[in-house]
N, C-alpha and C. Protein backbone atom coordinates (compact mmCIF):
# COMPACT_ATOMS: atom_id res chain seq x y z
N MET A 1 0.82 -1.20 0.00
CA MET A 1 0.00 0.00 0.00
C MET A 1 0.86 1.26 0.00
N LEU A 2 1.94 1.26 0.76
CA LEU A 2 2.83 2.41 0.82
C LEU A 2 3.48 2.65 -0.55
N LYS A 3 3.90 1.58 -1.23
CA LYS A 3 4.49 1.71 -2.56
C LYS A 3 3.50 2.36 -3.52
N TYR A 4 2.24 1.97 -3.42
CA TYR A 4 1.20 2.53 -4.28
C TYR A 4 1.06 4.04 -4.04
N LYS A 5 1.04 4.44 -2.77
CA LYS A 5 0.90 5.86 -2.43
C LYS A 5 2.09 6.66 -2.94
N ILE A 6 3.28 6.10 -2.80
CA ILE A 6 4.49 6.78 -3.29
C ILE A 6 4.44 6.91 -4.81
N ARG A 7 4.05 5.84 -5.49
CA ARG A 7 3.94 5.89 -6.95
C ARG A 7 2.90 6.92 -7.39
N LEU A 8 1.80 6.99 -6.67
CA LEU A 8 0.75 7.96 -6.98
C LEU A 8 1.26 9.38 -6.80
N GLN A 9 2.01 9.62 -5.73
CA GLN A 9 2.59 10.95 -5.50
C GLN A 9 3.58 11.31 -6.61
N ILE A 10 4.41 10.37 -6.99
CA ILE A 10 5.38 10.60 -8.07
C ILE A 10 4.64 10.89 -9.37
N TYR A 11 3.60 10.12 -9.66
CA TYR A 11 2.81 10.34 -10.86
C TYR A 11 2.21 11.75 -10.86
N ASN A 12 1.65 12.17 -9.73
CA ASN A 12 1.05 13.51 -9.64
C ASN A 12 2.08 14.61 -9.85
N ILE A 13 3.26 14.44 -9.28
CA ILE A 13 4.33 15.42 -9.46
C ILE A 13 4.77 15.48 -10.92
N LEU A 14 4.96 14.32 -11.54
CA LEU A 14 5.36 14.28 -12.94
C LEU A 14 4.28 14.87 -13.85
N SER A 15 3.02 14.61 -13.54
CA SER A 15 1.92 15.17 -14.34
C SER A 15 1.94 16.70 -14.30
N LYS A 16 2.17 17.27 -13.12
CA LYS A 16 2.24 18.72 -12.99
C LYS A 16 3.44 19.28 -13.74
N LEU A 17 4.56 18.57 -13.68
CA LEU A 17 5.76 19.00 -14.38
C LEU A 17 5.54 18.99 -15.89
N VAL A 18 4.92 17.93 -16.41
CA VAL A 18 4.63 17.84 -17.85
C VAL A 18 3.66 18.95 -18.25
N SER A 19 2.65 19.20 -17.44
CA SER A 19 1.68 20.27 -17.72
C SER A 19 2.37 21.63 -17.76
N TYR A 20 3.24 21.89 -16.81
CA TYR A 20 3.97 23.14 -16.75
C TYR A 20 4.88 23.29 -17.97
N THR A 21 5.60 22.23 -18.32
CA THR A 21 6.50 22.25 -19.48
C THR A 21 5.71 22.48 -20.76
N SER A 22 4.57 21.83 -20.91
CA SER A 22 3.72 22.01 -22.09
C SER A 22 3.25 23.45 -22.20
N LYS A 23 2.86 24.04 -21.07
CA LYS A 23 2.39 25.43 -21.08
C LYS A 23 3.52 26.37 -21.49
N LEU A 24 4.73 26.11 -21.01
CA LEU A 24 5.87 26.94 -21.40
C LEU A 24 6.14 26.85 -22.90
N LEU A 25 6.05 25.64 -23.44
CA LEU A 25 6.25 25.47 -24.89
C LEU A 25 5.19 26.21 -25.68
N ILE A 26 3.94 26.13 -25.23
CA ILE A 26 2.85 26.84 -25.89
C ILE A 26 3.09 28.35 -25.82
N LEU A 27 3.49 28.85 -24.67
CA LEU A 27 3.74 30.29 -24.52
C LEU A 27 4.87 30.75 -25.44
N ARG A 28 5.89 29.95 -25.57
CA ARG A 28 7.00 30.30 -26.50
C ARG A 28 6.51 30.32 -27.94
N MET A 29 5.64 29.36 -28.28
CA MET A 29 5.08 29.31 -29.63
C MET A 29 4.19 30.53 -29.88
N ILE A 30 3.44 30.94 -28.87
CA ILE A 30 2.60 32.13 -29.00
C ILE A 30 3.46 33.36 -29.27
N GLU A 31 4.55 33.50 -28.52
CA GLU A 31 5.46 34.63 -28.73
C GLU A 31 6.06 34.62 -30.13
N LYS A 32 6.55 33.46 -30.53
CA LYS A 32 7.21 33.33 -31.84
C LYS A 32 6.26 33.68 -32.98
N THR A 33 5.05 33.14 -32.94
CA THR A 33 4.11 33.40 -34.04
C THR A 33 3.62 34.86 -34.01
N ALA A 34 3.52 35.45 -32.83
CA ALA A 34 3.13 36.86 -32.74
C ALA A 34 4.19 37.73 -33.43
N ILE A 35 5.45 37.45 -33.13
CA ILE A 35 6.55 38.21 -33.74
C ILE A 35 6.53 38.03 -35.26
N GLU A 36 6.34 36.78 -35.72
CA GLU A 36 6.30 36.51 -37.16
C GLU A 36 5.14 37.25 -37.84
N ALA A 37 4.06 37.47 -37.11
CA ALA A 37 2.89 38.17 -37.67
C ALA A 37 3.01 39.69 -37.51
N GLY A 38 4.12 40.16 -36.97
CA GLY A 38 4.34 41.59 -36.83
C GLY A 38 3.78 42.20 -35.56
N ILE A 39 3.42 41.37 -34.59
CA ILE A 39 2.90 41.86 -33.31
C ILE A 39 4.10 42.10 -32.39
N ILE A 40 4.16 43.26 -31.78
CA ILE A 40 5.26 43.57 -30.87
C ILE A 40 4.90 43.07 -29.47
N LEU A 41 5.78 42.24 -28.91
CA LEU A 41 5.54 41.68 -27.58
C LEU A 41 5.44 42.81 -26.55
N GLY A 42 4.52 42.65 -25.62
CA GLY A 42 4.35 43.64 -24.57
C GLY A 42 3.35 44.73 -24.90
N THR A 43 2.92 44.82 -26.17
CA THR A 43 1.93 45.83 -26.55
C THR A 43 0.55 45.40 -26.05
N GLN A 44 -0.39 46.32 -26.07
CA GLN A 44 -1.75 46.03 -25.64
C GLN A 44 -2.36 44.92 -26.50
N THR A 45 -2.12 44.95 -27.79
CA THR A 45 -2.66 43.92 -28.68
C THR A 45 -2.12 42.54 -28.30
N TYR A 46 -0.83 42.46 -28.03
CA TYR A 46 -0.24 41.17 -27.63
C TYR A 46 -0.83 40.69 -26.31
N LYS A 47 -0.91 41.58 -25.32
CA LYS A 47 -1.45 41.20 -24.01
C LYS A 47 -2.90 40.76 -24.11
N GLU A 48 -3.69 41.47 -24.90
CA GLU A 48 -5.09 41.09 -25.08
C GLU A 48 -5.21 39.75 -25.80
N GLY A 49 -4.41 39.57 -26.83
CA GLY A 49 -4.44 38.30 -27.57
C GLY A 49 -4.06 37.12 -26.70
N LEU A 50 -3.03 37.29 -25.90
CA LEU A 50 -2.60 36.25 -24.98
C LEU A 50 -3.71 35.92 -23.98
N ALA A 51 -4.36 36.95 -23.46
CA ALA A 51 -5.45 36.76 -22.50
C ALA A 51 -6.65 36.08 -23.16
N VAL A 52 -6.93 36.43 -24.40
CA VAL A 52 -8.05 35.80 -25.13
C VAL A 52 -7.76 34.31 -25.34
N ILE A 53 -6.54 33.97 -25.73
CA ILE A 53 -6.19 32.56 -25.94
C ILE A 53 -6.35 31.78 -24.64
N GLU A 54 -5.86 32.36 -23.54
CA GLU A 54 -5.99 31.67 -22.26
C GLU A 54 -7.46 31.53 -21.85
N ALA A 55 -8.23 32.60 -22.05
CA ALA A 55 -9.66 32.55 -21.68
C ALA A 55 -10.43 31.57 -22.56
N GLU A 56 -10.09 31.50 -23.83
CA GLU A 56 -10.81 30.64 -24.77
C GLU A 56 -10.50 29.16 -24.56
N SER A 57 -9.21 28.84 -24.41
CA SER A 57 -8.83 27.41 -24.40
C SER A 57 -8.02 26.98 -23.18
N GLY A 58 -7.64 27.93 -22.33
CA GLY A 58 -6.78 27.58 -21.21
C GLY A 58 -5.42 27.09 -21.68
N PHE A 59 -4.99 27.57 -22.85
CA PHE A 59 -3.73 27.17 -23.50
C PHE A 59 -3.74 25.69 -23.89
N ASN A 60 -4.92 25.12 -24.08
CA ASN A 60 -5.04 23.72 -24.48
C ASN A 60 -5.20 23.63 -25.99
N PRO A 61 -4.18 23.14 -26.71
CA PRO A 61 -4.26 23.07 -28.17
C PRO A 61 -5.28 22.04 -28.67
N LYS A 62 -5.77 21.18 -27.79
CA LYS A 62 -6.75 20.17 -28.19
C LYS A 62 -8.17 20.52 -27.75
N ALA A 63 -8.36 21.75 -27.29
CA ALA A 63 -9.68 22.16 -26.78
C ALA A 63 -10.72 22.14 -27.89
N ILE A 64 -11.88 21.61 -27.57
CA ILE A 64 -13.04 21.61 -28.46
C ILE A 64 -14.24 22.01 -27.61
N ASN A 65 -14.92 23.06 -28.01
CA ASN A 65 -16.08 23.53 -27.27
C ASN A 65 -17.29 23.63 -28.18
N ARG A 66 -18.36 23.01 -27.76
CA ARG A 66 -19.62 23.05 -28.52
C ARG A 66 -20.46 24.21 -28.00
N ASN A 67 -20.91 25.05 -28.91
CA ASN A 67 -21.68 26.24 -28.55
C ASN A 67 -23.17 25.95 -28.57
N VAL A 68 -23.92 26.78 -27.89
CA VAL A 68 -25.37 26.62 -27.79
C VAL A 68 -26.04 26.67 -29.17
N ASN A 69 -25.46 27.45 -30.09
CA ASN A 69 -26.06 27.60 -31.41
C ASN A 69 -25.71 26.46 -32.37
N GLY A 70 -25.01 25.44 -31.87
CA GLY A 70 -24.68 24.27 -32.69
C GLY A 70 -23.33 24.34 -33.37
N THR A 71 -22.66 25.49 -33.32
CA THR A 71 -21.33 25.58 -33.90
C THR A 71 -20.31 25.04 -32.91
N VAL A 72 -19.10 24.82 -33.40
CA VAL A 72 -18.04 24.24 -32.56
C VAL A 72 -16.78 25.08 -32.70
N ASP A 73 -16.10 25.32 -31.58
CA ASP A 73 -14.82 26.04 -31.57
C ASP A 73 -13.70 25.03 -31.36
N TYR A 74 -12.62 25.19 -32.14
CA TYR A 74 -11.54 24.21 -32.15
C TYR A 74 -10.19 24.80 -31.82
N GLY A 75 -9.40 24.05 -31.06
CA GLY A 75 -7.99 24.32 -30.87
C GLY A 75 -7.64 25.40 -29.88
N LEU A 76 -6.37 25.72 -29.86
CA LEU A 76 -5.78 26.70 -28.95
C LEU A 76 -6.47 28.05 -29.06
N CYS A 77 -6.79 28.46 -30.28
CA CYS A 77 -7.38 29.78 -30.52
C CYS A 77 -8.89 29.74 -30.66
N GLN A 78 -9.47 28.55 -30.55
CA GLN A 78 -10.92 28.36 -30.59
C GLN A 78 -11.57 28.97 -31.83
N PHE A 79 -11.07 28.56 -32.99
CA PHE A 79 -11.68 28.98 -34.25
C PHE A 79 -13.02 28.30 -34.42
N ASN A 80 -14.03 29.08 -34.74
CA ASN A 80 -15.39 28.58 -34.88
C ASN A 80 -15.58 27.96 -36.26
N ASN A 81 -16.17 26.77 -36.30
CA ASN A 81 -16.30 26.06 -37.57
C ASN A 81 -17.14 26.82 -38.60
N TYR A 82 -18.13 27.58 -38.17
CA TYR A 82 -18.95 28.31 -39.13
C TYR A 82 -18.20 29.53 -39.66
N TRP A 83 -17.73 30.39 -38.76
CA TRP A 83 -17.14 31.65 -39.18
C TRP A 83 -15.79 31.51 -39.86
N TYR A 84 -14.97 30.59 -39.36
CA TYR A 84 -13.60 30.58 -39.88
C TYR A 84 -13.33 29.60 -41.00
N TRP A 85 -14.13 28.56 -41.18
CA TRP A 85 -13.86 27.76 -42.36
C TRP A 85 -15.05 27.55 -43.26
N GLU A 86 -16.25 27.72 -42.79
CA GLU A 86 -17.38 27.61 -43.71
C GLU A 86 -17.65 28.95 -44.39
N LYS A 87 -17.63 30.03 -43.62
CA LYS A 87 -17.96 31.34 -44.17
C LYS A 87 -16.74 32.06 -44.75
N GLU A 88 -15.71 32.26 -43.94
CA GLU A 88 -14.56 33.06 -44.38
C GLU A 88 -13.42 32.23 -44.98
N LYS A 89 -13.40 30.95 -44.68
CA LYS A 89 -12.39 30.03 -45.22
C LYS A 89 -10.94 30.50 -44.98
N VAL A 90 -10.66 30.92 -43.73
CA VAL A 90 -9.30 31.39 -43.42
C VAL A 90 -8.43 30.31 -42.80
N ILE A 91 -9.06 29.26 -42.27
CA ILE A 91 -8.29 28.17 -41.69
C ILE A 91 -9.10 26.88 -41.81
N SER A 92 -8.42 25.79 -42.07
CA SER A 92 -9.12 24.50 -42.20
C SER A 92 -9.32 23.89 -40.81
N PRO A 93 -10.26 22.97 -40.68
CA PRO A 93 -10.46 22.30 -39.39
C PRO A 93 -9.19 21.63 -38.89
N GLN A 94 -8.44 21.03 -39.80
CA GLN A 94 -7.20 20.34 -39.41
C GLN A 94 -6.18 21.34 -38.87
N ASN A 95 -6.02 22.47 -39.56
CA ASN A 95 -5.03 23.46 -39.13
C ASN A 95 -5.43 24.19 -37.85
N ALA A 96 -6.73 24.26 -37.57
CA ALA A 96 -7.19 24.89 -36.32
C ALA A 96 -6.68 24.11 -35.11
N MET A 97 -6.39 22.84 -35.31
CA MET A 97 -5.91 21.99 -34.22
C MET A 97 -4.38 21.90 -34.17
N VAL A 98 -3.69 22.56 -35.10
CA VAL A 98 -2.23 22.58 -35.12
C VAL A 98 -1.79 23.94 -34.55
N PRO A 99 -1.23 23.94 -33.33
CA PRO A 99 -0.98 25.22 -32.64
C PRO A 99 -0.25 26.29 -33.44
N ASN A 100 0.87 25.96 -34.07
CA ASN A 100 1.61 27.03 -34.76
C ASN A 100 0.83 27.58 -35.95
N LYS A 101 0.09 26.75 -36.66
CA LYS A 101 -0.71 27.24 -37.79
C LYS A 101 -1.90 28.07 -37.31
N ALA A 102 -2.55 27.61 -36.25
CA ALA A 102 -3.69 28.34 -35.69
C ALA A 102 -3.23 29.69 -35.13
N LEU A 103 -2.10 29.69 -34.46
CA LEU A 103 -1.59 30.93 -33.88
C LEU A 103 -1.22 31.95 -34.96
N TYR A 104 -0.64 31.47 -36.03
CA TYR A 104 -0.28 32.38 -37.12
C TYR A 104 -1.53 33.07 -37.66
N VAL A 105 -2.60 32.31 -37.91
CA VAL A 105 -3.86 32.89 -38.39
C VAL A 105 -4.45 33.81 -37.31
N PHE A 106 -4.41 33.37 -36.07
CA PHE A 106 -4.94 34.18 -34.97
C PHE A 106 -4.29 35.56 -34.95
N TRP A 107 -2.97 35.60 -34.97
CA TRP A 107 -2.28 36.89 -34.88
C TRP A 107 -2.51 37.76 -36.11
N ARG A 108 -2.82 37.16 -37.24
CA ARG A 108 -3.14 37.94 -38.45
C ARG A 108 -4.54 38.56 -38.34
N TYR A 109 -5.47 37.84 -37.72
CA TYR A 109 -6.86 38.28 -37.64
C TYR A 109 -7.18 39.08 -36.38
N PHE A 110 -6.61 38.71 -35.26
CA PHE A 110 -7.01 39.28 -33.98
C PHE A 110 -6.95 40.81 -33.92
N PRO A 111 -5.86 41.45 -34.35
CA PRO A 111 -5.80 42.92 -34.23
C PRO A 111 -6.96 43.64 -34.93
N LYS A 112 -7.44 43.07 -36.04
CA LYS A 112 -8.51 43.72 -36.81
C LYS A 112 -9.90 43.26 -36.42
N ARG A 113 -9.99 42.07 -35.81
CA ARG A 113 -11.30 41.46 -35.55
C ARG A 113 -11.40 40.91 -34.13
N LYS A 114 -11.02 41.68 -33.17
CA LYS A 114 -11.02 41.22 -31.77
C LYS A 114 -12.39 40.74 -31.33
N ASN A 115 -13.43 41.43 -31.77
CA ASN A 115 -14.79 41.09 -31.35
C ASN A 115 -15.29 39.76 -31.90
N ASN A 116 -14.52 39.13 -32.79
CA ASN A 116 -14.90 37.79 -33.27
C ASN A 116 -14.76 36.74 -32.17
N TRP A 117 -13.95 37.04 -31.15
CA TRP A 117 -13.78 36.11 -30.04
C TRP A 117 -14.71 36.52 -28.90
N THR A 118 -15.56 35.61 -28.49
CA THR A 118 -16.57 35.88 -27.47
C THR A 118 -15.95 36.38 -26.17
N THR A 119 -14.82 35.80 -25.78
CA THR A 119 -14.21 36.23 -24.51
C THR A 119 -13.72 37.67 -24.58
N TYR A 120 -13.40 38.15 -25.77
CA TYR A 120 -13.03 39.56 -25.92
C TYR A 120 -14.29 40.41 -25.89
N LYS A 121 -15.27 40.03 -26.70
CA LYS A 121 -16.51 40.81 -26.82
C LYS A 121 -17.21 40.98 -25.47
N THR A 122 -17.18 39.94 -24.65
CA THR A 122 -17.87 39.97 -23.36
C THR A 122 -16.99 40.49 -22.23
N GLY A 123 -15.68 40.65 -22.49
CA GLY A 123 -14.77 41.16 -21.48
C GLY A 123 -14.21 40.10 -20.54
N VAL A 124 -14.56 38.83 -20.77
CA VAL A 124 -14.07 37.74 -19.92
C VAL A 124 -12.54 37.68 -19.93
N TYR A 125 -11.93 38.01 -21.06
CA TYR A 125 -10.47 37.94 -21.19
C TYR A 125 -9.75 38.81 -20.17
N LYS A 126 -10.42 39.88 -19.69
CA LYS A 126 -9.76 40.85 -18.81
C LYS A 126 -9.24 40.22 -17.53
N LYS A 127 -9.90 39.17 -17.05
CA LYS A 127 -9.42 38.55 -15.80
C LYS A 127 -8.12 37.76 -16.02
N TYR A 128 -7.72 37.59 -17.29
CA TYR A 128 -6.46 36.90 -17.62
C TYR A 128 -5.35 37.89 -17.99
N MET A 129 -5.65 39.16 -17.94
CA MET A 129 -4.66 40.19 -18.30
C MET A 129 -3.69 40.41 -17.15
N ASP A 130 -2.40 40.51 -17.49
CA ASP A 130 -1.40 40.88 -16.49
C ASP A 130 -1.47 42.40 -16.33
N GLU A 131 -1.49 42.81 -15.12
CA GLU A 131 -1.54 44.25 -14.84
C GLU A 131 -0.17 44.86 -14.89
């Protein structure tokens, strides 16, 4: 029984470490793609975009959320299946689930279309903003 408890504690510690490492990798990818899209780190647009991504997906690149209206949001940036690939055709469903591709599209669209993201439009993102 003691061995089981020790193994469980080790597993929990390793799980937290993997989660932390994954989040750091995602944050680095967010920075890199923002720079590639011409976003200056530390600006209001960058801070808002980072907060929107965290509010939308919790930095989870595999996030899938079903909306009340029947549409579905996919990936790290939560691209909506109706608006982003059926109507505007800016990203494919497959690419919405690939973090670096989704982030590149996000940083190209976000500065001009912030209100397309519900967490921005409703102000939910503000609780994720660094002061």
